[in-house]
Amino acid sequence: MSENKKYQTFKTISPSDALKLIKEHKNDQNLVILDVRTPWEFSDNHIEGAVNLDYTDPDFNEQIKKLDKTKYYIIYCKSGMRSVKVCEILKKLGFTHVYNIKEGFKGWKSKID
């Protein structure tokens, strides 16, 4: 087990596994696709059904504390860096079902679209 994986408290999944989860839970209100890019990035293009919560927003920490800890979250950013940080924050706050899309939206676009 690598040092990174040893301390990782969330799961990183491939874009195809993320798509599978999204399709399996299409009408499930307990699955949230969370796009943590800027509103500009989000408006340019995003995964269908995603909710935008800007990691760079000064109120980000307050906004994230309002999320339902019992739901499942699939999180992504542009390339996977911000989303990893958000996953770590969520786990520290007690969220238990957190998934990071490997390589973010770039990975999604290259594998899915």
N, C-alpha and C. Protein backbone atom coordinates (compact mmCIF):
# COMPACT_ATOMS: atom_id res chain seq x y z
N MET A 1 0.85 -1.19 0.00
CA MET A 1 0.00 0.00 0.00
C MET A 1 0.89 1.24 0.00
N SER A 2 0.63 2.13 -0.91
CA SER A 2 1.43 3.35 -0.99
C SER A 2 1.09 4.27 0.18
N GLU A 3 2.01 5.17 0.51
CA GLU A 3 1.78 6.12 1.60
C GLU A 3 0.50 6.93 1.36
N ASN A 4 0.28 7.37 0.12
CA ASN A 4 -0.91 8.15 -0.19
C ASN A 4 -2.18 7.36 0.07
N LYS A 5 -2.23 6.14 -0.42
CA LYS A 5 -3.42 5.31 -0.27
C LYS A 5 -3.64 4.91 1.19
N LYS A 6 -2.58 4.76 1.93
CA LYS A 6 -2.68 4.34 3.32
C LYS A 6 -3.51 5.32 4.14
N TYR A 7 -3.37 6.60 3.86
CA TYR A 7 -4.06 7.62 4.64
C TYR A 7 -5.29 8.19 3.93
N GLN A 8 -5.54 7.75 2.71
CA GLN A 8 -6.68 8.25 1.96
C GLN A 8 -7.97 7.72 2.59
N THR A 9 -8.90 8.61 2.88
CA THR A 9 -10.12 8.21 3.57
C THR A 9 -11.35 8.36 2.69
N PHE A 10 -11.14 8.45 1.40
CA PHE A 10 -12.22 8.50 0.43
C PHE A 10 -11.79 7.63 -0.74
N LYS A 11 -12.70 7.36 -1.64
CA LYS A 11 -12.38 6.49 -2.76
C LYS A 11 -12.27 7.29 -4.06
N THR A 12 -11.19 7.07 -4.79
CA THR A 12 -11.04 7.65 -6.12
C THR A 12 -11.49 6.60 -7.11
N ILE A 13 -12.42 7.01 -8.00
CA ILE A 13 -12.98 6.08 -8.97
C ILE A 13 -12.73 6.58 -10.39
N SER A 14 -12.71 5.66 -11.32
CA SER A 14 -12.50 6.02 -12.72
C SER A 14 -13.75 6.74 -13.26
N PRO A 15 -13.59 7.49 -14.33
CA PRO A 15 -14.76 8.12 -14.94
C PRO A 15 -15.83 7.09 -15.34
N SER A 16 -15.41 5.92 -15.84
CA SER A 16 -16.40 4.91 -16.23
C SER A 16 -17.14 4.35 -15.02
N ASP A 17 -16.44 4.19 -13.89
CA ASP A 17 -17.12 3.74 -12.66
C ASP A 17 -18.07 4.82 -12.14
N ALA A 18 -17.67 6.09 -12.29
CA ALA A 18 -18.54 7.19 -11.89
C ALA A 18 -19.81 7.19 -12.74
N LEU A 19 -19.65 7.01 -14.04
CA LEU A 19 -20.80 6.96 -14.94
C LEU A 19 -21.73 5.81 -14.57
N LYS A 20 -21.15 4.68 -14.25
CA LYS A 20 -21.94 3.51 -13.85
C LYS A 20 -22.76 3.83 -12.60
N LEU A 21 -22.12 4.44 -11.60
CA LEU A 21 -22.83 4.83 -10.37
C LEU A 21 -23.96 5.82 -10.67
N ILE A 22 -23.66 6.79 -11.52
CA ILE A 22 -24.65 7.81 -11.87
C ILE A 22 -25.85 7.17 -12.57
N LYS A 23 -25.59 6.26 -13.50
CA LYS A 23 -26.68 5.59 -14.22
C LYS A 23 -27.50 4.71 -13.28
N GLU A 24 -26.82 3.99 -12.39
CA GLU A 24 -27.51 3.09 -11.45
C GLU A 24 -28.40 3.86 -10.48
N HIS A 25 -28.04 5.11 -10.19
CA HIS A 25 -28.77 5.91 -9.20
C HIS A 25 -29.38 7.16 -9.83
N LYS A 26 -29.77 7.06 -11.09
CA LYS A 26 -30.24 8.21 -11.85
C LYS A 26 -31.35 8.99 -11.14
N ASN A 27 -32.30 8.31 -10.56
CA ASN A 27 -33.43 8.98 -9.90
C ASN A 27 -33.31 8.98 -8.38
N ASP A 28 -32.14 8.69 -7.88
CA ASP A 28 -31.91 8.60 -6.44
C ASP A 28 -31.47 9.96 -5.89
N GLN A 29 -32.29 10.53 -5.03
CA GLN A 29 -31.98 11.84 -4.43
C GLN A 29 -30.81 11.78 -3.45
N ASN A 30 -30.35 10.58 -3.13
CA ASN A 30 -29.25 10.43 -2.18
C ASN A 30 -27.88 10.47 -2.84
N LEU A 31 -27.86 10.57 -4.17
CA LEU A 31 -26.59 10.68 -4.89
C LEU A 31 -26.45 12.12 -5.40
N VAL A 32 -25.36 12.76 -5.03
CA VAL A 32 -25.10 14.14 -5.44
C VAL A 32 -23.81 14.17 -6.24
N ILE A 33 -23.87 14.75 -7.44
CA ILE A 33 -22.67 14.97 -8.25
C ILE A 33 -22.25 16.41 -7.95
N LEU A 34 -21.09 16.55 -7.35
CA LEU A 34 -20.64 17.86 -6.89
C LEU A 34 -19.46 18.35 -7.71
N ASP A 35 -19.67 19.43 -8.45
CA ASP A 35 -18.64 20.06 -9.27
C ASP A 35 -18.06 21.21 -8.45
N VAL A 36 -16.78 21.12 -8.10
CA VAL A 36 -16.18 22.12 -7.22
C VAL A 36 -15.33 23.14 -7.99
N ARG A 37 -15.58 23.23 -9.29
CA ARG A 37 -14.89 24.23 -10.11
C ARG A 37 -15.58 25.59 -9.96
N THR A 38 -15.02 26.59 -10.59
CA THR A 38 -15.61 27.93 -10.55
C THR A 38 -16.92 27.95 -11.34
N PRO A 39 -17.80 28.91 -11.05
CA PRO A 39 -19.04 29.02 -11.83
C PRO A 39 -18.77 29.18 -13.33
N TRP A 40 -17.69 29.87 -13.68
CA TRP A 40 -17.34 30.03 -15.09
C TRP A 40 -17.01 28.68 -15.73
N GLU A 41 -16.21 27.87 -15.04
CA GLU A 41 -15.87 26.54 -15.56
C GLU A 41 -17.13 25.68 -15.67
N PHE A 42 -17.96 25.76 -14.65
CA PHE A 42 -19.20 24.98 -14.60
C PHE A 42 -20.13 25.36 -15.76
N SER A 43 -20.28 26.67 -16.01
CA SER A 43 -21.19 27.11 -17.06
C SER A 43 -20.68 26.75 -18.45
N ASP A 44 -19.36 26.58 -18.58
CA ASP A 44 -18.78 26.21 -19.86
C ASP A 44 -19.18 24.77 -20.24
N ASN A 45 -19.17 23.87 -19.26
CA ASN A 45 -19.57 22.48 -19.47
C ASN A 45 -19.46 21.76 -18.13
N HIS A 46 -20.34 20.79 -17.91
CA HIS A 46 -20.32 20.01 -16.67
C HIS A 46 -21.04 18.69 -16.87
N ILE A 47 -20.90 17.81 -15.90
CA ILE A 47 -21.60 16.53 -15.94
C ILE A 47 -23.08 16.80 -15.69
N GLU A 48 -23.93 16.19 -16.50
CA GLU A 48 -25.37 16.39 -16.37
C GLU A 48 -25.83 16.05 -14.94
N GLY A 49 -26.60 16.96 -14.36
CA GLY A 49 -27.14 16.75 -13.02
C GLY A 49 -26.23 17.24 -11.90
N ALA A 50 -25.05 17.74 -12.25
CA ALA A 50 -24.10 18.20 -11.23
C ALA A 50 -24.56 19.50 -10.57
N VAL A 51 -24.16 19.64 -9.31
CA VAL A 51 -24.40 20.85 -8.54
C VAL A 51 -23.05 21.55 -8.40
N ASN A 52 -23.02 22.86 -8.60
CA ASN A 52 -21.76 23.60 -8.52
C ASN A 52 -21.58 24.20 -7.13
N LEU A 53 -20.43 23.91 -6.53
CA LEU A 53 -20.05 24.49 -5.24
C LEU A 53 -18.57 24.87 -5.37
N ASP A 54 -18.32 26.13 -5.63
CA ASP A 54 -16.99 26.64 -5.97
C ASP A 54 -16.01 26.54 -4.79
N TYR A 55 -14.97 25.72 -5.00
CA TYR A 55 -13.95 25.54 -3.97
C TYR A 55 -13.23 26.84 -3.62
N THR A 56 -13.14 27.77 -4.57
CA THR A 56 -12.42 29.02 -4.33
C THR A 56 -13.29 30.11 -3.71
N ASP A 57 -14.58 29.83 -3.53
CA ASP A 57 -15.50 30.81 -2.93
C ASP A 57 -15.13 31.02 -1.46
N PRO A 58 -15.08 32.27 -0.99
CA PRO A 58 -14.75 32.53 0.41
C PRO A 58 -15.70 31.85 1.40
N ASP A 59 -16.94 31.59 0.97
CA ASP A 59 -17.92 30.93 1.84
C ASP A 59 -17.96 29.41 1.66
N PHE A 60 -17.00 28.86 0.94
CA PHE A 60 -17.02 27.43 0.63
C PHE A 60 -17.16 26.56 1.88
N ASN A 61 -16.35 26.83 2.90
CA ASN A 61 -16.39 25.99 4.10
C ASN A 61 -17.75 26.04 4.79
N GLU A 62 -18.38 27.19 4.80
CA GLU A 62 -19.72 27.30 5.39
C GLU A 62 -20.75 26.55 4.54
N GLN A 63 -20.63 26.67 3.23
CA GLN A 63 -21.57 26.00 2.32
C GLN A 63 -21.46 24.49 2.44
N ILE A 64 -20.25 23.99 2.54
CA ILE A 64 -20.05 22.54 2.57
C ILE A 64 -20.58 21.93 3.88
N LYS A 65 -20.54 22.70 4.94
CA LYS A 65 -21.06 22.22 6.23
C LYS A 65 -22.57 22.03 6.19
N LYS A 66 -23.25 22.67 5.23
CA LYS A 66 -24.70 22.56 5.11
C LYS A 66 -25.15 21.32 4.34
N LEU A 67 -24.20 20.62 3.72
CA LEU A 67 -24.54 19.42 2.95
C LEU A 67 -24.97 18.28 3.87
N ASP A 68 -25.81 17.41 3.36
CA ASP A 68 -26.33 16.26 4.10
C ASP A 68 -25.26 15.17 4.16
N LYS A 69 -24.81 14.83 5.37
CA LYS A 69 -23.74 13.84 5.55
C LYS A 69 -24.17 12.42 5.22
N THR A 70 -25.46 12.18 5.11
CA THR A 70 -25.94 10.82 4.83
C THR A 70 -25.98 10.50 3.34
N LYS A 71 -25.81 11.51 2.49
CA LYS A 71 -25.88 11.28 1.05
C LYS A 71 -24.54 10.80 0.49
N TYR A 72 -24.59 10.30 -0.73
CA TYR A 72 -23.41 9.85 -1.45
C TYR A 72 -22.97 10.99 -2.37
N TYR A 73 -21.67 11.28 -2.40
CA TYR A 73 -21.15 12.39 -3.20
C TYR A 73 -20.10 11.90 -4.19
N ILE A 74 -20.32 12.23 -5.46
CA ILE A 74 -19.31 12.03 -6.50
C ILE A 74 -18.78 13.43 -6.79
N ILE A 75 -17.50 13.62 -6.58
CA ILE A 75 -16.91 14.96 -6.63
C ILE A 75 -15.86 15.04 -7.74
N TYR A 76 -15.88 16.18 -8.43
CA TYR A 76 -14.88 16.40 -9.45
C TYR A 76 -14.56 17.88 -9.60
N CYS A 77 -13.38 18.14 -10.18
CA CYS A 77 -12.97 19.50 -10.55
C CYS A 77 -12.42 19.40 -11.97
N LYS A 78 -11.47 20.21 -12.32
CA LYS A 78 -10.93 20.16 -13.69
C LYS A 78 -10.04 18.94 -13.91
N SER A 79 -9.09 18.73 -12.98
CA SER A 79 -8.12 17.65 -13.20
C SER A 79 -7.94 16.72 -12.00
N GLY A 80 -8.65 16.99 -10.91
CA GLY A 80 -8.59 16.11 -9.76
C GLY A 80 -7.89 16.67 -8.53
N MET A 81 -7.29 17.84 -8.63
CA MET A 81 -6.55 18.40 -7.49
C MET A 81 -7.50 19.01 -6.45
N ARG A 82 -8.38 19.90 -6.87
CA ARG A 82 -9.31 20.53 -5.93
C ARG A 82 -10.27 19.51 -5.35
N SER A 83 -10.70 18.57 -6.17
CA SER A 83 -11.68 17.59 -5.68
C SER A 83 -11.07 16.70 -4.59
N VAL A 84 -9.79 16.39 -4.69
CA VAL A 84 -9.13 15.61 -3.63
C VAL A 84 -9.16 16.41 -2.33
N LYS A 85 -8.87 17.69 -2.40
CA LYS A 85 -8.90 18.54 -1.20
C LYS A 85 -10.31 18.58 -0.61
N VAL A 86 -11.32 18.69 -1.47
CA VAL A 86 -12.70 18.72 -1.00
C VAL A 86 -13.08 17.38 -0.35
N CYS A 87 -12.65 16.28 -0.95
CA CYS A 87 -12.92 14.97 -0.36
C CYS A 87 -12.31 14.87 1.03
N GLU A 88 -11.10 15.37 1.19
CA GLU A 88 -10.44 15.34 2.50
C GLU A 88 -11.21 16.18 3.52
N ILE A 89 -11.69 17.33 3.10
CA ILE A 89 -12.48 18.20 3.98
C ILE A 89 -13.77 17.48 4.40
N LEU A 90 -14.45 16.89 3.43
CA LEU A 90 -15.70 16.19 3.72
C LEU A 90 -15.48 15.05 4.72
N LYS A 91 -14.43 14.29 4.51
CA LYS A 91 -14.15 13.18 5.44
C LYS A 91 -13.87 13.70 6.85
N LYS A 92 -13.15 14.81 6.97
CA LYS A 92 -12.88 15.40 8.29
C LYS A 92 -14.16 15.87 8.96
N LEU A 93 -15.14 16.26 8.13
CA LEU A 93 -16.43 16.73 8.66
C LEU A 93 -17.38 15.58 8.98
N GLY A 94 -16.97 14.35 8.69
CA GLY A 94 -17.79 13.19 9.03
C GLY A 94 -18.62 12.60 7.90
N PHE A 95 -18.39 13.04 6.68
CA PHE A 95 -19.08 12.44 5.54
C PHE A 95 -18.49 11.05 5.30
N THR A 96 -19.35 10.09 4.99
CA THR A 96 -18.86 8.71 4.88
C THR A 96 -18.90 8.14 3.47
N HIS A 97 -19.65 8.73 2.57
CA HIS A 97 -19.79 8.19 1.21
C HIS A 97 -19.28 9.23 0.21
N VAL A 98 -17.97 9.26 0.01
CA VAL A 98 -17.34 10.29 -0.81
C VAL A 98 -16.48 9.63 -1.89
N TYR A 99 -16.73 10.02 -3.14
CA TYR A 99 -16.01 9.47 -4.28
C TYR A 99 -15.43 10.60 -5.12
N ASN A 100 -14.17 10.47 -5.45
CA ASN A 100 -13.47 11.45 -6.28
C ASN A 100 -13.29 10.86 -7.68
N ILE A 101 -13.66 11.63 -8.73
CA ILE A 101 -13.45 11.14 -10.09
C ILE A 101 -11.98 11.35 -10.48
N LYS A 102 -11.31 10.26 -10.79
CA LYS A 102 -9.91 10.30 -11.19
C LYS A 102 -9.73 11.21 -12.40
N GLU A 103 -8.79 12.12 -12.32
CA GLU A 103 -8.44 13.09 -13.36
C GLU A 103 -9.55 14.11 -13.63
N GLY A 104 -10.54 14.20 -12.75
CA GLY A 104 -11.56 15.23 -12.83
C GLY A 104 -12.34 15.27 -14.13
N PHE A 105 -12.76 16.47 -14.50
CA PHE A 105 -13.58 16.64 -15.70
C PHE A 105 -12.78 16.33 -16.97
N LYS A 106 -11.47 16.57 -16.93
CA LYS A 106 -10.62 16.21 -18.07
C LYS A 106 -10.65 14.71 -18.31
N GLY A 107 -10.57 13.94 -17.24
CA GLY A 107 -10.66 12.49 -17.35
C GLY A 107 -12.03 12.05 -17.83
N TRP A 108 -13.06 12.70 -17.30
CA TRP A 108 -14.43 12.39 -17.71
C TRP A 108 -14.60 12.63 -19.21
N LYS A 109 -14.16 13.81 -19.68
CA LYS A 109 -14.32 14.14 -21.10
C LYS A 109 -13.54 13.18 -22.00
N SER A 110 -12.37 12.75 -21.57
CA SER A 110 -11.55 11.89 -22.42
C SER A 110 -12.08 10.46 -22.45
N LYS A 111 -12.78 10.04 -21.40
CA LYS A 111 -13.25 8.66 -21.33
C LYS A 111 -14.73 8.49 -21.65
N ILE A 112 -15.54 9.52 -21.37
CA ILE A 112 -16.98 9.37 -21.47
C ILE A 112 -17.55 10.07 -22.72
N ASP A 113 -17.19 11.30 -22.94
CA ASP A 113 -17.79 12.05 -24.07
C ASP A 113 -17.20 11.67 -25.41
